[in-house]
């Protein structure tokens, strides 16, 4: 009888432990799902595709989420923004892809461009290690906007926010044989230097390499962006290499 009682207690204990683990798993799953819902707030880092990607200081809001978990290259995309009053002052975009066959990725053809203010390519090998970053302008007013740009415009409009026509900042690309990560961080130049009265708002062509070279104020701003990107590059590299062997 004593042995039977011990077995019963052990059985009930296992059941309680199993239930506890089940509840924990459910909590973690739905907690992660909520973290990637549009409107969610994020600070410090964000987990995407099993990678913990660093975020600049402040409270970020998710405005876009896209997940394609099937196929040879499962992809997760997340868009984030920060505001100053009723204006979008910063955005971040994260894209993580996996190669289920561990065959690597094609070289990233946007590691460098004459329109970038600055670019650095550490490595860009086919099927192997890739690591490049650059300082550039990004248009938010494309003739054929992407799904992400459309989502950003709709989110800003529905919340009565001013959305700049262009952003300036850094983009980082890293890849190994199993994963590829692309992360961009942008700031609204309109909130840094006021655009001329006849322009009302800065546009992409105002922040190309040639346009910046012709304006000392813009060059000072982009030098700050370059310094920030140079300091941030190791953080992104560590975040990627920790889980992918990149």
Protein backbone atom coordinates (compact mmCIF):
# COMPACT_ATOMS: atom_id res chain seq x y z
CA UNK A 1 0.00 0.00 0.00
CA UNK A 2 2.83 2.34 0.86
CA UNK A 3 4.48 1.65 -2.49
CA UNK A 4 1.19 2.24 -4.30
CA UNK A 5 0.80 5.53 -2.47
CA UNK A 6 4.28 6.66 -3.51
CA UNK A 7 3.58 5.70 -7.14
CA UNK A 8 0.32 7.66 -7.04
CA UNK A 9 2.08 10.72 -5.63
CA UNK A 10 4.81 10.48 -8.29
CA UNK A 11 2.20 10.09 -11.01
CA UNK A 12 0.28 13.15 -9.82
CA UNK A 13 3.54 15.10 -9.51
CA UNK A 14 4.47 14.23 -13.09
CA UNK A 15 1.03 15.30 -14.25
CA UNK A 16 1.37 18.62 -12.44
CA UNK A 17 4.85 19.13 -13.90
CA UNK A 18 3.55 18.24 -17.38
CA UNK A 19 0.67 20.68 -17.00
CA UNK A 20 3.07 23.34 -15.74
CA UNK A 21 5.35 22.85 -18.75
CA UNK A 22 2.33 22.92 -21.06
CA UNK A 23 1.09 26.16 -19.54
CA UNK A 24 4.59 27.63 -19.77
CA UNK A 25 4.87 26.63 -23.42
CA UNK A 26 1.46 28.14 -24.19
CA UNK A 27 2.42 31.33 -22.35
CA UNK A 28 5.73 31.61 -24.21
CA UNK A 29 4.11 30.89 -27.57
CA UNK A 30 1.32 33.40 -27.22
CA UNK A 31 3.64 35.92 -25.56
CA UNK A 32 5.94 35.73 -28.60
CA UNK A 33 2.96 35.99 -30.93
CA UNK A 34 1.71 39.10 -29.14
CA UNK A 35 5.17 40.67 -29.37
CA UNK A 36 4.92 40.49 -33.15
CA UNK A 37 1.39 41.84 -33.47
CA UNK A 38 0.80 45.23 -35.09
CA UNK A 39 0.53 47.83 -32.36
CA UNK A 40 2.74 45.96 -29.87
CA UNK A 41 5.42 47.91 -27.99
CA UNK A 42 9.06 46.74 -28.04
CA UNK A 43 12.20 48.03 -26.30
CA UNK A 44 15.84 46.98 -26.23
CA UNK A 45 15.77 43.99 -28.57
CA UNK A 46 13.28 42.13 -30.70
CA UNK A 47 13.27 38.41 -31.42
CA UNK A 48 12.79 37.56 -35.08
CA UNK A 49 13.58 34.22 -36.68
CA UNK A 50 15.19 33.05 -33.37
CA UNK A 51 17.60 36.03 -33.48
CA UNK A 52 17.59 38.77 -30.81
CA UNK A 53 18.18 41.92 -32.83
CA UNK A 54 19.20 45.13 -31.00
CA UNK A 55 17.09 48.28 -31.22
CA UNK A 56 18.15 51.88 -30.63
CA UNK A 57 16.95 53.43 -27.38
CA UNK A 58 13.29 54.19 -26.94
CA UNK A 59 9.87 52.60 -27.19
CA UNK A 60 9.15 51.07 -30.59
CA UNK A 61 5.78 50.17 -32.07
CA UNK A 62 5.22 47.29 -34.48
CA UNK A 63 3.43 48.50 -37.63
CA UNK A 64 4.06 45.54 -39.94
CA UNK A 65 4.52 41.78 -39.61
CA UNK A 66 4.85 39.24 -42.41
CA UNK A 67 5.64 35.54 -41.96
CA UNK A 68 6.12 32.94 -44.68
CA UNK A 69 7.15 29.81 -42.72
CA UNK A 70 6.89 27.33 -45.59
CA UNK A 71 9.19 26.45 -48.49
CA UNK A 72 12.94 26.30 -48.85
CA UNK A 73 13.44 29.87 -47.60
CA UNK A 74 11.11 30.66 -44.66
CA UNK A 75 11.05 34.43 -44.14
CA UNK A 76 9.94 36.69 -41.28
CA UNK A 77 9.68 40.47 -41.68
CA UNK A 78 8.93 43.10 -39.04
CA UNK A 79 8.54 46.87 -39.32
CA UNK A 80 8.87 49.19 -36.30
CA UNK A 81 8.51 52.92 -35.73
CA UNK A 82 9.09 55.61 -33.13
CA UNK A 83 7.27 58.91 -32.95
CA UNK A 84 7.94 62.46 -31.80
CA UNK A 85 4.58 63.99 -31.06
CA UNK A 86 2.47 63.15 -34.12
CA UNK A 87 5.44 62.63 -36.45
CA UNK A 88 7.21 59.40 -37.36
CA UNK A 89 10.81 60.13 -36.35
CA UNK A 90 12.46 56.70 -36.67
CA UNK A 91 11.76 53.41 -38.40
CA UNK A 92 13.39 50.00 -38.30
CA UNK A 93 12.89 47.07 -40.67
CA UNK A 94 14.07 43.54 -39.98
CA UNK A 95 14.08 40.60 -42.37
CA UNK A 96 15.33 37.11 -41.49
CA UNK A 97 15.37 34.23 -43.99
CA UNK A 98 16.37 30.61 -43.40
CA UNK A 99 17.82 28.17 -45.92
CA UNK A 100 16.38 24.76 -45.01
CA UNK A 101 18.97 22.99 -47.19
CA UNK A 102 21.93 24.82 -45.61
CA UNK A 103 23.12 25.86 -49.06
CA UNK A 104 23.72 29.53 -48.35
CA UNK A 105 22.49 32.53 -50.33
CA UNK A 106 23.36 34.48 -53.46
CA UNK A 107 25.59 37.55 -52.93
CA UNK A 108 23.60 40.61 -51.90
CA UNK A 109 23.66 42.93 -54.92
CA UNK A 110 22.82 46.02 -52.82
CA UNK A 111 25.92 46.00 -50.61
CA UNK A 112 27.11 49.09 -52.52
CA UNK A 113 25.60 51.78 -54.74
CA UNK A 114 26.78 55.14 -56.13
CA UNK A 115 23.78 56.73 -54.37
CA UNK A 116 24.90 55.60 -50.90
CA UNK A 117 26.77 58.11 -48.77
CA UNK A 118 29.00 55.31 -47.48
CA UNK A 119 29.33 51.54 -47.90
CA UNK A 120 31.58 48.82 -46.53
CA UNK A 121 31.67 45.19 -47.65
CA UNK A 122 33.50 42.82 -45.33
CA UNK A 123 32.48 39.72 -47.29
CA UNK A 124 29.86 38.87 -49.91
CA UNK A 125 30.57 35.30 -50.98
CA UNK A 126 28.08 33.07 -52.75
CA UNK A 127 26.74 30.38 -50.47
CA UNK A 128 28.92 31.53 -47.59
CA UNK A 129 29.74 34.38 -45.26
CA UNK A 130 28.23 37.76 -46.15
CA UNK A 131 28.61 40.96 -44.15
CA UNK A 132 28.12 44.48 -45.50
CA UNK A 133 26.56 47.72 -44.38
CA UNK A 134 25.98 51.20 -45.74
CA UNK A 135 24.59 54.66 -45.01
CA UNK A 136 21.88 55.72 -47.41
CA UNK A 137 18.57 57.44 -48.01
CA UNK A 138 15.41 55.38 -48.42
CA UNK A 139 12.31 56.68 -50.18
CA UNK A 140 8.94 56.15 -48.52
CA UNK A 141 7.15 57.56 -51.55
CA UNK A 142 7.98 54.98 -54.20
CA UNK A 143 5.92 54.91 -57.41
CA UNK A 144 5.24 51.24 -56.68
CA UNK A 145 5.37 50.95 -52.88
CA UNK A 146 6.26 47.66 -51.25
CA UNK A 147 3.88 45.88 -48.89
CA UNK A 148 5.87 47.25 -45.95
CA UNK A 149 5.80 50.83 -47.26
CA UNK A 150 2.06 50.59 -47.81
CA UNK A 151 1.60 49.26 -44.28
CA UNK A 152 3.65 52.14 -42.87
CA UNK A 153 1.69 54.75 -44.83
CA UNK A 154 -1.63 53.23 -43.74
CA UNK A 155 -0.55 53.03 -40.10
CA UNK A 156 0.59 56.66 -40.08
CA UNK A 157 -2.59 57.84 -41.80
CA UNK A 158 -4.91 55.91 -39.49
CA UNK A 159 -3.15 57.39 -36.46
CA UNK A 160 -2.98 60.95 -37.81
CA UNK A 161 0.81 60.99 -38.02
CA UNK A 162 3.17 62.95 -40.26
CA UNK A 163 5.18 60.48 -42.35
CA UNK A 164 8.37 61.78 -44.02
CA UNK A 165 8.90 61.12 -47.72
CA UNK A 166 12.38 59.77 -47.07
CA UNK A 167 14.49 58.38 -44.24
CA UNK A 168 18.25 58.41 -43.76
CA UNK A 169 20.27 55.85 -41.85
CA UNK A 170 22.07 52.51 -42.00
CA UNK A 171 21.26 49.09 -43.41
CA UNK A 172 23.12 45.93 -42.42
CA UNK A 173 23.17 42.64 -44.33
CA UNK A 174 24.59 39.38 -42.95
CA UNK A 175 24.32 35.81 -44.17
CA UNK A 176 25.71 32.35 -43.45
CA UNK A 177 24.93 28.97 -45.01
CA UNK A 178 21.75 28.68 -42.95
CA UNK A 179 20.37 32.20 -42.49
CA UNK A 180 20.32 35.74 -43.86
CA UNK A 181 19.44 38.85 -41.88
CA UNK A 182 18.82 42.36 -43.15
CA UNK A 183 18.24 45.21 -40.71
CA UNK A 184 17.75 48.88 -41.51
CA UNK A 185 17.37 51.85 -39.17
CA UNK A 186 16.14 55.20 -40.45
CA UNK A 187 15.69 58.71 -39.09
CA UNK A 188 13.47 61.47 -40.46
CA UNK A 189 15.75 64.19 -41.88
CA UNK A 190 12.85 66.65 -41.61
CA UNK A 191 13.22 66.49 -37.80
CA UNK A 192 16.99 67.11 -38.02
CA UNK A 193 17.27 69.86 -40.65
CA UNK A 194 14.26 71.80 -41.83
CA UNK A 195 13.62 71.44 -45.55
CA UNK A 196 13.58 74.63 -47.68
CA UNK A 197 10.20 76.36 -47.85
CA UNK A 198 9.78 75.58 -51.55
CA UNK A 199 10.27 71.85 -50.87
CA UNK A 200 8.22 71.60 -47.66
CA UNK A 201 9.65 68.11 -47.02
CA UNK A 202 12.88 66.34 -47.92
CA UNK A 203 12.82 63.79 -50.72
CA UNK A 204 15.06 60.87 -51.62
CA UNK A 205 17.00 62.82 -54.27
CA UNK A 206 17.90 65.45 -51.65
CA UNK A 207 19.97 62.88 -49.73
CA UNK A 208 21.86 60.96 -52.40
CA UNK A 209 25.67 60.96 -52.22
CA UNK A 210 25.91 63.80 -54.76
CA UNK A 211 23.31 65.95 -53.02
CA UNK A 212 24.98 65.47 -49.64
CA UNK A 213 28.42 66.34 -51.07
CA UNK A 214 27.05 69.70 -52.20
CA UNK A 215 25.66 70.69 -48.77
CA UNK A 216 27.85 70.94 -45.66
CA UNK A 217 24.87 70.65 -43.30
CA UNK A 218 23.75 67.40 -44.89
CA UNK A 219 27.30 66.08 -44.87
CA UNK A 220 27.56 66.74 -41.12
CA UNK A 221 24.33 64.81 -40.57
CA UNK A 222 25.43 61.87 -42.68
CA UNK A 223 28.80 61.76 -40.94
CA UNK A 224 26.87 61.32 -37.69
CA UNK A 225 24.91 58.51 -39.34
CA UNK A 226 28.17 56.90 -40.44
CA UNK A 227 29.61 57.10 -36.91
CA UNK A 228 26.44 55.57 -35.48
CA UNK A 229 26.42 52.79 -38.07
CA UNK A 230 30.08 51.99 -37.47
CA UNK A 231 29.44 51.63 -33.73
CA UNK A 232 26.23 49.62 -34.30
CA UNK A 233 27.69 47.21 -36.86
CA UNK A 234 29.42 44.96 -34.27
CA UNK A 235 26.16 44.70 -32.28
CA UNK A 236 24.23 43.46 -35.30
CA UNK A 237 27.06 41.08 -36.23
CA UNK A 238 27.08 39.56 -32.74
CA UNK A 239 23.30 39.17 -32.75
CA UNK A 240 23.51 37.28 -36.04
CA UNK A 241 26.57 35.15 -35.37
CA UNK A 242 25.33 33.92 -31.99
CA UNK A 243 22.63 31.73 -33.51
CA UNK A 244 23.74 31.09 -37.09
CA UNK A 245 27.49 30.61 -37.02
CA UNK A 246 27.71 33.52 -39.47
